Amino acid sequence: MTLIKSISGIRGTIGGRAGEGLTPIDIVKFTASFGKILMQSTGNKKIVVGRDARESGEMVNNLVVGTLQSIGAEVVDLGLSTTPTVEIAVPLERAAGGIILTASHNPGQWNALKLLNAKGEFISDAEGQEVLSLGESLDFDFAEVQDLGKVVNDSSYLQKHIDAVLALEYVDVEAIKAARFKVAVDAVNSTGGIFIPALLEALGVEVIYKIHCEPNGKFPHNPEPLKEHLTDLSEAVMTNKADLGIAVDPDVDRLVFMMEDGELFGEEYTLVAVADYILSQQKGNTVSNLSSTRALRDVTVRHGGEYFAAAVGEVNVVTKMKEVAAVIGGEGNGGVIYPASHYGRDALVGVAIFLTHLAKMGKKVSTYRAELPQYFMSKNKITLTPGLDIDGLLAKMQAKYAHEQHSTVDGLKIDFENEWVHLRKSNTEPIIRIYSEGPTPEAAEAIAQKIIREIEEIIS
């Protein structure tokens, strides 16, 4: 059993002993502490809750909503929703904050509490530490019976989210309608199976091939939208001669496209493509995290903007985007953050902008992909063993490559002339992530394996 408390929320496997997995006790104490902090800091009792469709979702939702009532909060329960939908709902509801019940790309035995402030943005690391501290101490009173909170169930935000996407300046519904796209969708049997087809219909897409779109939480494959997990989508695209395929993760903040030939467009290139279109309409800066492709930098420079890198984690990317007034940003895992909509990764926004771009170009997806800067990434990981000194390990690797350009903003990133490697401890799993990129797949994998061998030598 695993319980991880980090900048990405309170995440763990369901069951086991308290403090070792995400048990009811852990859910209650951290929900209560977060709710108390929100109400005390804002003077506002309203809190928005929404969840993905994973099998533990109903149980976790019942605990969270009941706990919030027990501290006197007024709960707006969106039910089956998406991470970006909850992010949009919080400011629209003038709420103190929100809680999203999702473990994002993690397998079905996982769930999590993702915590939002009054802006509908993820809380900071310092605020997260305050939640953890109060949750462990439980140094507060619960509400008397006459002060218990109420619950309002609100299912209107599917349409409100779609309406907000359609209203974006650079989303062209008429162009998309005229293109008469045929689109296949894999939503891994979570809430994307509700939201993505509904958005496509609103955009005028009449032919939609839905696979794994029943929101029952029974994930038919690993829910992380990677090539090896999307063979069913590839087959659906090819069999139906679709123009493209769309895959999202369980909470619909990560977006991946599949080309008409059944090959992946590349999760790293979701943000690159969306940025390419936005920057063609509006000159400005961009931001992605340190583990994202250099292609975004190249596209940004081509359009006359400046590229900036941030530490991994949506809150870090958003902070940097605000600092440099970026017009588009996100993460290389298929996460698009478009400030004109809101400061959160949003697959619905990404779909609408990409289809607008594709419709106006009049090209096949594969043709467009070939025109973008060509980089190839290798993503590896090392499972952590108890007691491993991660900081000491990274310090030794930094010393070994002190002569190369490097950054310690987030783990260790080493920039070689033609490749880069980024080593960092995951916020969501007990692993070290090792991302590398190069001009060819072989170059990216070769530099990754070289670094992995050196790490293993240090560990042993």
Protein backbone atom coordinates (compact mmCIF):
# COMPACT_ATOMS: atom_id res chain seq x y z
CA MET A 1 0.00 0.00 0.00
CA THR A 2 1.17 3.53 -0.78
CA LEU A 3 0.32 7.02 0.47
CA ILE A 4 2.06 9.99 -1.16
CA LYS A 5 1.60 13.53 0.16
CA SER A 6 3.06 16.07 -2.25
CA ILE A 7 2.50 19.19 -4.35
CA SER A 8 0.22 17.03 -6.51
CA GLY A 9 -2.19 16.33 -3.64
CA ILE A 10 -2.80 13.46 -1.25
CA ARG A 11 -2.64 10.32 -3.33
CA GLY A 12 -2.60 6.65 -2.46
CA THR A 13 -3.85 3.14 -2.99
CA ILE A 14 -7.23 2.31 -1.52
CA GLY A 15 -7.24 0.09 1.57
CA GLY A 16 -4.64 -1.12 4.04
CA ARG A 17 -3.62 0.56 7.26
CA ALA A 18 -4.11 4.26 8.00
CA GLY A 19 -1.06 6.25 6.96
CA GLU A 20 0.11 3.51 4.61
CA GLY A 21 -2.69 3.68 2.04
CA LEU A 22 -5.50 6.10 1.24
CA THR A 23 -7.88 4.84 3.92
CA PRO A 24 -11.13 6.44 5.16
CA ILE A 25 -9.22 7.82 8.13
CA ASP A 26 -6.68 9.54 5.87
CA ILE A 27 -9.43 10.89 3.60
CA VAL A 28 -11.42 12.30 6.52
CA LYS A 29 -8.57 13.97 8.36
CA PHE A 30 -7.05 15.70 5.34
CA THR A 31 -10.43 16.73 3.94
CA ALA A 32 -11.36 18.22 7.31
CA SER A 33 -8.07 20.05 7.68
CA PHE A 34 -8.24 21.49 4.15
CA GLY A 35 -11.84 22.55 4.60
CA LYS A 36 -11.08 24.21 7.94
CA ILE A 37 -8.14 26.12 6.47
CA LEU A 38 -10.21 27.29 3.48
CA MET A 39 -13.09 28.54 5.63
CA GLN A 40 -10.85 30.24 8.19
CA SER A 41 -8.66 31.95 5.60
CA THR A 42 -11.47 33.14 3.32
CA GLY A 43 -14.49 33.48 5.60
CA ASN A 44 -16.34 31.49 2.92
CA LYS A 45 -18.02 28.14 3.65
CA LYS A 46 -18.69 27.05 0.04
CA ILE A 47 -16.48 24.24 -1.34
CA VAL A 48 -16.83 22.51 -4.73
CA VAL A 49 -16.29 18.75 -5.09
CA GLY A 50 -16.09 16.64 -8.25
CA ARG A 51 -14.70 13.22 -9.15
CA ASP A 52 -13.59 10.96 -11.97
CA ALA A 53 -15.30 7.60 -12.55
CA ARG A 54 -12.84 5.22 -10.89
CA GLU A 55 -14.46 2.44 -8.85
CA SER A 56 -13.51 3.89 -5.45
CA GLY A 57 -14.90 7.30 -6.41
CA GLU A 58 -18.36 6.94 -4.89
CA MET A 59 -16.94 5.78 -1.55
CA VAL A 60 -14.34 8.55 -1.45
CA ASN A 61 -16.93 11.13 -2.52
CA ASN A 62 -19.28 10.10 0.29
CA LEU A 63 -16.48 10.47 2.84
CA VAL A 64 -15.33 13.84 1.51
CA VAL A 65 -18.80 15.36 1.25
CA GLY A 66 -19.81 14.06 4.69
CA THR A 67 -16.60 15.32 6.24
CA LEU A 68 -17.07 18.78 4.76
CA GLN A 69 -20.60 18.84 6.16
CA SER A 70 -19.19 17.84 9.56
CA ILE A 71 -17.08 21.00 9.72
CA GLY A 72 -19.95 23.23 8.58
CA ALA A 73 -19.02 23.62 4.90
CA GLU A 74 -21.60 24.23 2.18
CA VAL A 75 -20.81 21.66 -0.52
CA VAL A 76 -21.47 21.98 -4.24
CA ASP A 77 -21.17 18.39 -5.50
CA LEU A 78 -20.63 18.18 -9.27
CA GLY A 79 -20.67 14.38 -9.24
CA LEU A 80 -18.92 12.78 -12.22
CA SER A 81 -16.77 15.58 -13.57
CA THR A 82 -13.25 16.42 -14.76
CA THR A 83 -10.34 18.21 -13.16
CA PRO A 84 -10.62 21.26 -15.46
CA THR A 85 -14.39 21.40 -14.94
CA VAL A 86 -13.97 21.66 -11.17
CA GLU A 87 -11.26 24.29 -11.71
CA ILE A 88 -13.74 26.34 -13.74
CA ALA A 89 -16.59 25.78 -11.28
CA VAL A 90 -14.77 27.08 -8.18
CA PRO A 91 -14.57 30.76 -9.24
CA LEU A 92 -17.96 30.62 -10.98
CA GLU A 93 -19.48 29.42 -7.70
CA ARG A 94 -17.51 32.04 -5.76
CA ALA A 95 -16.34 29.17 -3.57
CA ALA A 96 -13.49 29.13 -1.06
CA GLY A 97 -11.85 26.29 -2.98
CA GLY A 98 -12.39 22.82 -4.34
CA ILE A 99 -11.46 19.17 -4.04
CA ILE A 100 -11.08 16.90 -7.07
CA LEU A 101 -11.26 13.17 -6.33
CA THR A 102 -8.95 11.58 -8.89
CA ALA A 103 -5.60 9.88 -9.09
CA SER A 104 -5.23 11.17 -12.65
CA HIS A 105 -3.24 8.66 -14.73
CA ASN A 106 -2.66 6.17 -11.89
CA PRO A 107 -4.24 2.68 -12.14
CA GLY A 108 -7.63 1.84 -10.67
CA GLN A 109 -6.48 0.93 -7.16
CA TRP A 110 -5.38 4.54 -6.64
CA ASN A 111 -7.35 7.64 -5.72
CA ALA A 112 -6.46 11.10 -4.49
CA LEU A 113 -7.56 14.46 -3.15
CA LYS A 114 -6.46 17.30 -5.45
CA LEU A 115 -6.82 20.62 -3.63
CA LEU A 116 -7.81 23.93 -5.23
CA ASN A 117 -7.80 27.52 -3.94
CA ALA A 118 -10.51 30.13 -4.55
CA LYS A 119 -9.13 30.81 -8.04
CA GLY A 120 -9.65 27.17 -8.99
CA GLU A 121 -5.89 26.63 -9.09
CA PHE A 122 -3.81 24.07 -7.22
CA ILE A 123 -2.65 25.17 -3.80
CA SER A 124 1.03 25.93 -3.23
CA ASP A 125 3.52 23.63 -1.55
CA ALA A 126 3.46 25.82 1.59
CA GLU A 127 -0.34 25.65 1.74
CA GLY A 128 -0.15 21.91 1.24
CA GLN A 129 2.22 21.56 4.16
CA GLU A 130 -0.25 23.50 6.32
CA VAL A 131 -3.01 21.05 5.34
CA LEU A 132 -0.82 18.06 6.20
CA SER A 133 0.22 19.53 9.55
CA LEU A 134 -3.33 20.33 10.65
CA GLY A 135 -4.53 16.96 9.37
CA GLU A 136 -2.03 15.13 11.55
CA SER A 137 -2.83 17.19 14.66
CA LEU A 138 -6.62 17.51 14.13
CA ASP A 139 -6.40 20.56 16.38
CA PHE A 140 -9.88 21.93 15.67
CA ASP A 141 -13.53 21.37 16.57
CA PHE A 142 -16.17 19.76 14.37
CA ALA A 143 -19.54 21.48 13.95
CA GLU A 144 -22.45 21.13 16.38
CA VAL A 145 -25.59 19.59 14.92
CA GLN A 146 -27.26 22.93 14.20
CA ASP A 147 -24.16 24.09 12.29
CA LEU A 148 -23.70 21.09 9.99
CA GLY A 149 -23.23 22.00 6.33
CA LYS A 150 -25.62 21.40 3.44
CA VAL A 151 -25.07 19.78 0.06
CA VAL A 152 -26.22 20.99 -3.36
CA ASN A 153 -25.88 18.58 -6.30
CA ASP A 154 -25.15 20.46 -9.52
CA SER A 155 -24.92 18.64 -12.86
CA SER A 156 -24.93 21.82 -14.98
CA TYR A 157 -21.17 22.17 -15.34
CA LEU A 158 -20.77 19.82 -18.29
CA GLN A 159 -22.66 22.33 -20.41
CA LYS A 160 -21.09 25.35 -18.70
CA HIS A 161 -17.60 24.01 -19.45
CA ILE A 162 -18.45 23.31 -23.08
CA ASP A 163 -20.04 26.74 -23.49
CA ALA A 164 -16.89 28.36 -22.10
CA VAL A 165 -14.72 26.46 -24.60
CA LEU A 166 -16.96 27.41 -27.55
CA ALA A 167 -16.74 31.07 -26.51
CA LEU A 168 -12.93 31.19 -26.74
CA GLU A 169 -11.71 33.72 -29.31
CA TYR A 170 -9.54 31.29 -31.28
CA VAL A 171 -11.98 28.36 -31.36
CA ASP A 172 -13.75 28.35 -34.75
CA VAL A 173 -16.81 26.11 -34.64
CA GLU A 174 -17.82 26.83 -38.23
CA ALA A 175 -14.39 25.82 -39.55
CA ILE A 176 -14.54 22.57 -37.59
CA LYS A 177 -18.06 21.81 -38.86
CA ALA A 178 -16.97 22.44 -42.44
CA ALA A 179 -14.03 20.05 -42.10
CA ARG A 180 -16.43 17.13 -41.43
CA PHE A 181 -13.94 15.32 -39.22
CA LYS A 182 -14.39 11.68 -38.27
CA VAL A 183 -12.97 11.21 -34.76
CA ALA A 184 -12.33 8.16 -32.57
CA VAL A 185 -12.27 8.63 -28.77
CA ASP A 186 -10.77 6.45 -26.01
CA ALA A 187 -11.75 7.77 -22.56
CA VAL A 188 -10.58 4.73 -20.53
CA ASN A 189 -14.14 4.29 -19.15
CA SER A 190 -13.95 7.46 -17.08
CA THR A 191 -15.58 10.86 -17.28
CA GLY A 192 -13.91 11.76 -20.57
CA GLY A 193 -16.46 9.35 -22.06
CA ILE A 194 -19.13 11.91 -21.15
CA PHE A 195 -17.29 15.18 -21.72
CA ILE A 196 -15.22 14.61 -24.90
CA PRO A 197 -18.04 13.27 -27.13
CA ALA A 198 -20.36 16.04 -25.85
CA LEU A 199 -17.74 18.65 -26.75
CA LEU A 200 -17.17 17.14 -30.21
CA GLU A 201 -20.90 17.22 -30.92
CA ALA A 202 -21.04 20.87 -29.84
CA LEU A 203 -18.13 21.60 -32.20
CA GLY A 204 -20.10 20.11 -35.09
CA VAL A 205 -18.30 16.76 -35.35
CA GLU A 206 -20.99 14.37 -36.57
CA VAL A 207 -19.05 11.11 -36.80
CA ILE A 208 -17.62 9.94 -33.46
CA TYR A 209 -16.36 6.40 -32.82
CA LYS A 210 -16.52 5.85 -29.07
CA ILE A 211 -14.43 3.14 -27.42
CA HIS A 212 -14.05 2.71 -23.65
CA CYS A 213 -16.40 5.65 -23.10
CA GLU A 214 -18.67 4.11 -20.47
CA PRO A 215 -17.92 5.95 -17.18
CA ASN A 216 -17.94 2.83 -14.98
CA GLY A 217 -14.35 3.12 -13.74
CA LYS A 218 -13.36 -0.30 -15.08
CA PHE A 219 -10.19 0.77 -16.87
CA PRO A 220 -9.72 -1.55 -19.90
CA HIS A 221 -6.00 -0.74 -20.06
CA ASN A 222 -3.44 1.23 -18.11
CA PRO A 223 -5.04 4.69 -17.89
CA GLU A 224 -1.90 6.65 -18.72
CA PRO A 225 -2.39 7.72 -22.37
CA LEU A 226 0.82 6.27 -23.80
CA LYS A 227 1.35 4.48 -27.13
CA GLU A 228 1.57 1.00 -25.65
CA HIS A 229 -1.79 1.45 -23.90
CA LEU A 230 -3.73 2.78 -26.92
CA THR A 231 -3.76 -0.16 -29.32
CA ASP A 232 -7.59 -0.24 -29.30
CA LEU A 233 -7.71 3.41 -30.32
CA SER A 234 -5.21 2.79 -33.10
CA GLU A 235 -7.35 -0.06 -34.42
CA ALA A 236 -10.50 2.08 -34.24
CA VAL A 237 -8.86 4.90 -36.19
CA MET A 238 -7.57 2.56 -38.88
CA THR A 239 -10.71 0.41 -39.19
CA ASN A 240 -13.04 3.38 -39.45
CA LYS A 241 -10.68 5.51 -41.56
CA ALA A 242 -11.00 8.28 -38.98
CA ASP A 243 -9.21 11.59 -39.44
CA LEU A 244 -7.76 11.37 -35.95
CA GLY A 245 -8.08 9.73 -32.56
CA ILE A 246 -8.34 11.38 -29.14
CA ALA A 247 -7.28 9.81 -25.84
CA VAL A 248 -7.58 11.35 -22.38
CA ASP A 249 -6.69 10.20 -18.89
CA PRO A 250 -9.37 9.49 -16.23
CA ASP A 251 -9.72 13.12 -15.07
CA VAL A 252 -9.40 14.66 -18.55
CA ASP A 253 -6.49 17.03 -17.99
CA ARG A 254 -4.10 15.09 -20.24
CA LEU A 255 -4.71 14.91 -23.99
CA VAL A 256 -3.14 12.76 -26.69
CA PHE A 257 -3.90 12.66 -30.41
CA MET A 258 -3.57 9.74 -32.79
CA MET A 259 -2.86 10.33 -36.46
CA GLU A 260 -4.97 8.94 -39.29
CA ASP A 261 -2.35 6.22 -39.89
CA GLY A 262 -2.86 4.78 -36.39
CA GLU A 263 0.39 6.21 -35.02
CA LEU A 264 0.53 8.56 -32.06
CA PHE A 265 0.97 12.28 -32.71
CA GLY A 266 3.00 12.21 -29.50
CA GLU A 267 1.89 13.40 -26.06
CA GLU A 268 4.82 15.83 -26.04
CA TYR A 269 3.46 17.43 -29.21
CA THR A 270 -0.08 18.14 -27.97
CA LEU A 271 1.09 21.36 -26.34
CA VAL A 272 3.47 22.14 -29.23
CA ALA A 273 0.64 21.97 -31.79
CA VAL A 274 -1.81 24.01 -29.71
CA ALA A 275 0.89 26.61 -29.03
CA ASP A 276 1.77 26.73 -32.73
CA TYR A 277 -1.78 27.82 -33.52
CA ILE A 278 -2.22 30.24 -30.61
CA LEU A 279 1.14 31.91 -31.33
CA SER A 280 0.15 32.30 -34.99
CA GLN A 281 -2.82 34.36 -33.78
CA GLN A 282 -1.25 36.12 -30.79
CA LYS A 283 2.45 36.79 -30.28
CA GLY A 284 3.67 35.98 -26.77
CA ASN A 285 5.70 33.80 -24.42
CA THR A 286 5.33 30.13 -23.55
CA VAL A 287 6.18 27.91 -20.58
CA SER A 288 6.55 24.17 -20.11
CA ASN A 289 8.24 22.08 -17.45
CA LEU A 290 11.87 20.94 -17.53
CA SER A 291 10.87 17.46 -18.72
CA SER A 292 9.11 18.72 -21.85
CA THR A 293 10.32 18.72 -25.44
CA ARG A 294 12.57 21.38 -26.94
CA ALA A 295 10.08 21.61 -29.81
CA LEU A 296 7.99 24.13 -27.86
CA ARG A 297 11.02 26.40 -27.57
CA ASP A 298 11.64 26.14 -31.31
CA VAL A 299 8.02 26.91 -32.23
CA THR A 300 7.90 29.83 -29.78
CA VAL A 301 11.06 31.40 -31.18
CA ARG A 302 9.78 30.93 -34.74
CA HIS A 303 6.70 32.98 -33.85
CA GLY A 304 8.78 35.72 -32.20
CA GLY A 305 8.12 34.79 -28.57
CA GLU A 306 10.33 33.69 -25.69
CA TYR A 307 10.28 30.27 -24.06
CA PHE A 308 10.69 29.64 -20.31
CA ALA A 309 11.07 26.40 -18.32
CA ALA A 310 9.52 25.65 -14.93
CA ALA A 311 9.84 22.87 -12.38
CA VAL A 312 7.58 19.85 -12.93
CA GLY A 313 4.11 20.23 -11.44
CA GLU A 314 1.13 22.21 -12.68
CA VAL A 315 1.36 24.77 -9.88
CA ASN A 316 4.99 25.49 -10.81
CA VAL A 317 4.15 25.90 -14.50
CA VAL A 318 1.25 28.21 -13.68
CA THR A 319 3.43 30.34 -11.39
CA LYS A 320 6.01 30.77 -14.14
CA MET A 321 3.32 31.49 -16.76
CA LYS A 322 1.97 34.34 -14.64
CA GLU A 323 5.48 35.63 -14.00
CA VAL A 324 6.33 35.90 -17.72
CA ALA A 325 2.78 36.63 -18.96
CA ALA A 326 2.73 33.50 -21.13
CA VAL A 327 -0.13 33.23 -23.62
CA ILE A 328 0.04 29.42 -23.65
CA GLY A 329 1.84 26.79 -21.62
CA GLY A 330 1.57 23.39 -20.03
CA GLU A 331 3.39 20.12 -19.66
CA GLY A 332 4.76 17.56 -22.07
CA ASN A 333 2.44 14.87 -20.77
CA GLY A 334 -0.38 16.21 -22.95
CA GLY A 335 -1.33 19.02 -20.57
CA VAL A 336 -2.48 22.29 -22.18
CA ILE A 337 -2.88 25.42 -20.03
CA TYR A 338 -4.53 28.31 -21.84
CA PRO A 339 -4.89 31.41 -19.61
CA ALA A 340 -7.65 32.88 -21.78
CA SER A 341 -9.75 30.02 -20.42
CA HIS A 342 -8.25 29.29 -16.99
CA TYR A 343 -4.94 28.37 -15.37
CA GLY A 344 -5.31 24.61 -15.44
CA ARG A 345 -4.55 21.73 -17.80
CA ASP A 346 -7.68 21.24 -19.88
CA ALA A 347 -8.17 18.55 -22.52
CA LEU A 348 -11.43 20.11 -23.73
CA VAL A 349 -9.66 23.38 -24.53
CA GLY A 350 -6.86 21.44 -26.24
CA VAL A 351 -9.29 19.46 -28.42
CA ALA A 352 -11.14 22.58 -29.59
CA ILE A 353 -7.99 24.53 -30.45
CA PHE A 354 -6.31 21.59 -32.19
CA LEU A 355 -9.38 20.86 -34.34
CA THR A 356 -9.62 24.55 -35.26
CA HIS A 357 -5.95 24.51 -36.27
CA LEU A 358 -6.36 21.30 -38.26
CA ALA A 359 -9.51 22.53 -40.00
CA LYS A 360 -7.90 25.80 -41.09
CA MET A 361 -4.74 24.08 -42.36
CA GLY A 362 -6.68 21.51 -44.35
CA LYS A 363 -3.91 18.94 -43.84
CA LYS A 364 -3.79 15.39 -42.58
CA VAL A 365 -2.60 15.09 -39.02
CA SER A 366 0.47 13.10 -40.08
CA THR A 367 1.43 15.74 -42.65
CA TYR A 368 1.29 18.47 -40.03
CA ARG A 369 3.24 16.39 -37.53
CA ALA A 370 6.07 15.97 -40.04
CA GLU A 371 6.33 19.75 -40.38
CA LEU A 372 6.93 20.35 -36.66
CA PRO A 373 10.45 20.35 -35.15
CA GLN A 374 11.56 16.74 -34.83
CA TYR A 375 12.69 15.50 -31.42
CA PHE A 376 12.33 12.11 -29.81
CA MET A 377 11.93 11.36 -26.14
CA SER A 378 12.72 8.35 -23.99
CA LYS A 379 10.91 7.99 -20.66
CA ASN A 380 12.33 5.58 -18.11
CA LYS A 381 12.03 5.10 -14.37
CA ILE A 382 13.76 3.42 -11.45
CA THR A 383 11.64 2.09 -8.59
CA LEU A 384 12.75 3.51 -5.26
CA THR A 385 13.95 1.22 -2.49
CA PRO A 386 13.36 2.17 1.17
CA GLY A 387 16.17 4.27 2.58
CA LEU A 388 17.63 5.32 -0.76
CA ASP A 389 19.26 8.77 -0.44
CA ILE A 390 17.81 10.52 -3.49
CA ASP A 391 19.43 13.88 -2.76
CA GLY A 392 22.83 12.25 -2.31
CA LEU A 393 22.41 10.31 -5.54
CA LEU A 394 21.53 13.44 -7.53
CA ALA A 395 24.43 15.33 -5.93
CA LYS A 396 26.86 12.67 -7.15
CA MET A 397 25.40 12.81 -10.66
CA GLN A 398 25.62 16.61 -10.62
CA ALA A 399 29.28 16.44 -9.65
CA LYS A 400 29.94 13.95 -12.42
CA TYR A 401 28.44 16.31 -15.01
CA ALA A 402 29.46 19.64 -13.48
CA HIS A 403 31.22 20.53 -16.77
CA GLU A 404 27.93 20.36 -18.71
CA GLN A 405 25.14 22.93 -18.63
CA HIS A 406 22.74 21.78 -15.91
CA SER A 407 19.88 22.86 -13.67
CA THR A 408 18.91 21.83 -10.13
CA VAL A 409 15.61 23.75 -10.07
CA ASP A 410 13.80 20.40 -10.07
CA GLY A 411 15.95 17.34 -9.52
CA LEU A 412 18.81 17.46 -12.01
CA LYS A 413 18.59 18.34 -15.69
CA ILE A 414 21.72 18.00 -17.82
CA ASP A 415 21.70 19.82 -21.17
CA PHE A 416 24.09 18.39 -23.72
CA GLU A 417 24.54 19.95 -27.15
CA ASN A 418 22.09 17.65 -28.94
CA GLU A 419 20.37 15.82 -26.06
CA TRP A 420 19.16 16.43 -22.53
CA VAL A 421 18.41 14.21 -19.53
CA HIS A 422 16.18 15.08 -16.58
CA LEU A 423 16.33 13.10 -13.32
CA ARG A 424 13.72 13.73 -10.63
CA LYS A 425 11.75 12.01 -7.92
CA SER A 426 8.10 11.59 -8.93
CA ASN A 427 5.39 13.50 -7.04
CA THR A 428 2.84 10.79 -7.78
CA GLU A 429 4.66 7.43 -7.61
CA PRO A 430 7.57 5.95 -5.60
CA ILE A 431 9.99 6.18 -8.54
CA ILE A 432 12.79 8.26 -10.04
CA ARG A 433 11.76 9.48 -13.48
CA ILE A 434 14.49 9.62 -16.12
CA TYR A 435 13.43 11.61 -19.17
CA SER A 436 15.75 12.18 -22.11
CA GLU A 437 15.41 13.72 -25.56
CA GLY A 438 17.49 13.68 -28.70
CA PRO A 439 17.35 14.21 -32.47
CA THR A 440 16.64 10.49 -33.03
CA PRO A 441 14.92 7.78 -30.94
CA GLU A 442 18.24 5.95 -30.73
CA ALA A 443 20.09 9.00 -29.41
CA ALA A 444 17.45 9.66 -26.75
CA GLU A 445 17.47 6.05 -25.56
CA ALA A 446 21.26 5.79 -25.64
CA ILE A 447 21.81 8.79 -23.37
CA ALA A 448 19.07 7.54 -21.02
CA GLN A 449 20.61 4.08 -20.70
CA LYS A 450 24.04 5.59 -20.11
CA ILE A 451 22.66 7.65 -17.21
CA ILE A 452 20.70 4.68 -15.82
CA ARG A 453 23.86 2.53 -15.78
CA GLU A 454 25.72 5.28 -13.93
CA ILE A 455 22.89 5.62 -11.37
CA GLU A 456 22.84 1.86 -10.81
CA GLU A 457 26.59 1.87 -10.25
CA ILE A 458 26.22 4.59 -7.58
CA ILE A 459 23.34 2.75 -5.88
CA SER A 460 25.18 -0.55 -5.83
